Amino acid sequence: MEPVEVNAGGWYLRALRADDRVDDRPALADGGIDDADYIPRRTAQWLSDEHYSWAICQPNTGELLAEVGLTPSGTSATLTGWARSGHRDALEGGSDAVQRFAESALGLTVHR
């Protein structure tokens, strides 16, 4: 599946990026993720339906505040995530939106 963007009210969810317009690598490093292959791996996982991940962003600036992931397995999926310091509310709101998306659009039963 191609990455799907989600509007979660106070948060904007999109695929992780590192290009000439948006670079999530500094925010990922702030969250303890400094693997140079992290974003390409997440992109490949979307395309193989192995794992879907979203950068939970501040809608005005696009700054990555947290990441939520969904790992499908049959008719169910596991929801995981992490947040940068001080942004647990973004993770909670984004996780709720991804759970609704997974249940309604993908027909999955979500476990947290």
C-alpha atoms as a PDB file:
ATOM      1  CA  MET A   1       0.000   0.000   0.000  1.00  0.00           C
ATOM      2  CA  GLU A   2       1.119   3.551  -0.657  1.00  0.00           C
ATOM      3  CA  PRO A   3       1.442   5.749   2.462  1.00  0.00           C
ATOM      4  CA  VAL A   4      -1.843   7.285   3.570  1.00  0.00           C
ATOM      5  CA  GLU A   5      -2.080  10.740   5.154  1.00  0.00           C
ATOM      6  CA  VAL A   6      -4.489  11.201   8.054  1.00  0.00           C
ATOM      7  CA  ASN A   7      -5.938  14.404   9.464  1.00  0.00           C
ATOM      8  CA  ALA A   8      -6.366  13.792  13.185  1.00  0.00           C
ATOM      9  CA  GLY A   9      -7.887  17.113  14.193  1.00  0.00           C
ATOM     10  CA  GLY A  10      -5.070  18.788  16.103  1.00  0.00           C
ATOM     11  CA  TRP A  11      -2.430  16.607  14.447  1.00  0.00           C
ATOM     12  CA  TYR A  12      -1.400  15.821  10.897  1.00  0.00           C
ATOM     13  CA  LEU A  13      -0.160  12.290  10.143  1.00  0.00           C
ATOM     14  CA  ARG A  14       2.036  11.529   7.149  1.00  0.00           C
ATOM     15  CA  ALA A  15       4.790   9.161   6.070  1.00  0.00           C
ATOM     16  CA  LEU A  16       8.277   9.816   7.397  1.00  0.00           C
ATOM     17  CA  ARG A  17      10.365  11.961   5.046  1.00  0.00           C
ATOM     18  CA  ALA A  18      13.921  13.026   4.347  1.00  0.00           C
ATOM     19  CA  ASP A  19      13.895  15.047   1.145  1.00  0.00           C
ATOM     20  CA  ASP A  20      14.479  18.591  -0.079  1.00  0.00           C
ATOM     21  CA  ARG A  21      11.210  19.831   1.491  1.00  0.00           C
ATOM     22  CA  VAL A  22      10.952  17.941   4.802  1.00  0.00           C
ATOM     23  CA  ASP A  23      13.649  16.207   6.831  1.00  0.00           C
ATOM     24  CA  ASP A  24      12.472  14.182   9.820  1.00  0.00           C
ATOM     25  CA  ARG A  25      15.956  12.920  10.717  1.00  0.00           C
ATOM     26  CA  PRO A  26      16.709  15.617  13.351  1.00  0.00           C
ATOM     27  CA  ALA A  27      13.391  14.941  15.114  1.00  0.00           C
ATOM     28  CA  LEU A  28      13.991  11.180  14.926  1.00  0.00           C
ATOM     29  CA  ALA A  29      17.442  11.696  16.469  1.00  0.00           C
ATOM     30  CA  ASP A  30      15.816  13.762  19.220  1.00  0.00           C
ATOM     31  CA  GLY A  31      13.614  10.705  19.849  1.00  0.00           C
ATOM     32  CA  GLY A  32      16.661   8.424  20.032  1.00  0.00           C
ATOM     33  CA  ILE A  33      16.504   7.057  16.470  1.00  0.00           C
ATOM     34  CA  ASP A  34      19.719   7.748  14.574  1.00  0.00           C
ATOM     35  CA  ASP A  35      19.699   4.838  12.105  1.00  0.00           C
ATOM     36  CA  ALA A  36      20.452   6.233   8.618  1.00  0.00           C
ATOM     37  CA  ASP A  37      18.280   3.512   7.031  1.00  0.00           C
ATOM     38  CA  TYR A  38      15.248   4.122   9.261  1.00  0.00           C
ATOM     39  CA  ILE A  39      13.187   6.229   6.843  1.00  0.00           C
ATOM     40  CA  PRO A  40      13.953   4.101   3.743  1.00  0.00           C
ATOM     41  CA  ARG A  41      13.100   0.971   5.760  1.00  0.00           C
ATOM     42  CA  ARG A  42       9.775   2.456   6.913  1.00  0.00           C
ATOM     43  CA  THR A  43       8.975   3.399   3.291  1.00  0.00           C
ATOM     44  CA  ALA A  44       9.729  -0.139   2.095  1.00  0.00           C
ATOM     45  CA  GLN A  45       7.574  -1.582   4.890  1.00  0.00           C
ATOM     46  CA  TRP A  46       4.601   0.490   3.680  1.00  0.00           C
ATOM     47  CA  LEU A  47       5.012  -0.835   0.153  1.00  0.00           C
ATOM     48  CA  SER A  48       5.299  -4.463   1.340  1.00  0.00           C
ATOM     49  CA  ASP A  49       2.363  -4.140   3.800  1.00  0.00           C
ATOM     50  CA  GLU A  50       4.694  -5.287   6.596  1.00  0.00           C
ATOM     51  CA  HIS A  51       4.341  -2.191   8.793  1.00  0.00           C
ATOM     52  CA  TYR A  52       2.656   1.186   8.365  1.00  0.00           C
ATOM     53  CA  SER A  53       4.082   4.191  10.174  1.00  0.00           C
ATOM     54  CA  TRP A  54       3.072   7.802  10.467  1.00  0.00           C
ATOM     55  CA  ALA A  55       4.932  10.894  11.582  1.00  0.00           C
ATOM     56  CA  ILE A  56       2.552  12.713  13.909  1.00  0.00           C
ATOM     57  CA  CYS A  57       3.161  16.340  13.116  1.00  0.00           C
ATOM     58  CA  GLN A  58       2.269  19.792  14.313  1.00  0.00           C
ATOM     59  CA  PRO A  59      -0.087  20.866  11.482  1.00  0.00           C
ATOM     60  CA  ASN A  60       1.253  24.418  11.039  1.00  0.00           C
ATOM     61  CA  THR A  61       4.947  23.575  10.826  1.00  0.00           C
ATOM     62  CA  GLY A  62       4.992  19.878   9.859  1.00  0.00           C
ATOM     63  CA  GLU A  63       7.421  19.180  12.702  1.00  0.00           C
ATOM     64  CA  LEU A  64       7.508  15.510  13.726  1.00  0.00           C
ATOM     65  CA  LEU A  65       6.420  15.222  17.357  1.00  0.00           C
ATOM     66  CA  ALA A  66       5.800  11.467  17.573  1.00  0.00           C
ATOM     67  CA  GLU A  67       5.559   8.340  15.459  1.00  0.00           C
ATOM     68  CA  VAL A  68       2.816   5.735  15.458  1.00  0.00           C
ATOM     69  CA  GLY A  69       3.093   2.369  13.772  1.00  0.00           C
ATOM     70  CA  LEU A  70       0.679  -0.367  12.796  1.00  0.00           C
ATOM     71  CA  THR A  71       1.878  -3.923  12.177  1.00  0.00           C
ATOM     72  CA  PRO A  72      -0.797  -6.055  10.483  1.00  0.00           C
ATOM     73  CA  SER A  73      -1.073  -9.803  11.003  1.00  0.00           C
ATOM     74  CA  GLY A  74      -4.037 -11.455   9.358  1.00  0.00           C
ATOM     75  CA  THR A  75      -7.204  -9.695  10.481  1.00  0.00           C
ATOM     76  CA  SER A  76      -5.563  -7.930  13.426  1.00  0.00           C
ATOM     77  CA  ALA A  77      -2.788  -5.407  13.944  1.00  0.00           C
ATOM     78  CA  THR A  78      -0.549  -4.163  16.729  1.00  0.00           C
ATOM     79  CA  LEU A  79      -0.332  -0.423  17.350  1.00  0.00           C
ATOM     80  CA  THR A  80       2.927   0.985  18.753  1.00  0.00           C
ATOM     81  CA  GLY A  81       4.499   4.395  19.014  1.00  0.00           C
ATOM     82  CA  TRP A  82       6.834   6.815  20.702  1.00  0.00           C
ATOM     83  CA  ALA A  83       6.847  10.549  21.336  1.00  0.00           C
ATOM     84  CA  ARG A  84       9.499  13.191  21.693  1.00  0.00           C
ATOM     85  CA  SER A  85       9.749  14.676  25.160  1.00  0.00           C
ATOM     86  CA  GLY A  86       6.687  16.742  26.003  1.00  0.00           C
ATOM     87  CA  HIS A  87       4.550  15.424  23.137  1.00  0.00           C
ATOM     88  CA  ARG A  88       2.700  12.463  24.626  1.00  0.00           C
ATOM     89  CA  ASP A  89      -0.603  14.159  23.718  1.00  0.00           C
ATOM     90  CA  ALA A  90       0.355  14.038  20.029  1.00  0.00           C
ATOM     91  CA  LEU A  91       1.057  10.307  20.316  1.00  0.00           C
ATOM     92  CA  GLU A  92      -2.278   9.662  22.021  1.00  0.00           C
ATOM     93  CA  GLY A  93      -4.289  11.661  19.475  1.00  0.00           C
ATOM     94  CA  GLY A  94      -2.420  10.213  16.512  1.00  0.00           C
ATOM     95  CA  SER A  95      -2.728   6.660  17.831  1.00  0.00           C
ATOM     96  CA  ASP A  96      -6.479   7.060  18.233  1.00  0.00           C
ATOM     97  CA  ALA A  97      -6.756   8.292  14.624  1.00  0.00           C
ATOM     98  CA  VAL A  98      -4.671   5.392  13.275  1.00  0.00           C
ATOM     99  CA  GLN A  99      -6.759   2.897  15.229  1.00  0.00           C
ATOM    100  CA  ARG A 100      -9.957   4.341  13.706  1.00  0.00           C
ATOM    101  CA  PHE A 101      -8.383   4.216  10.227  1.00  0.00           C
ATOM    102  CA  ALA A 102      -7.218   0.613  10.677  1.00  0.00           C
ATOM    103  CA  GLU A 103     -10.585  -0.558  11.950  1.00  0.00           C
ATOM    104  CA  SER A 104     -12.785   1.288   9.451  1.00  0.00           C
ATOM    105  CA  ALA A 105     -10.688   1.424   6.273  1.00  0.00           C
ATOM    106  CA  LEU A 106      -8.638  -1.756   6.642  1.00  0.00           C
ATOM    107  CA  GLY A 107     -11.078  -3.879   8.650  1.00  0.00           C
ATOM    108  CA  LEU A 108      -8.427  -4.794  11.230  1.00  0.00           C
ATOM    109  CA  THR A 109      -8.866  -5.474  14.930  1.00  0.00           C
ATOM    110  CA  VAL A 110      -6.269  -3.298  16.666  1.00  0.00           C
ATOM    111  CA  HIS A 111      -4.323  -4.278  19.788  1.00  0.00           C
ATOM    112  CA  ARG A 112      -2.326  -1.726  21.747  1.00  0.00           C
END
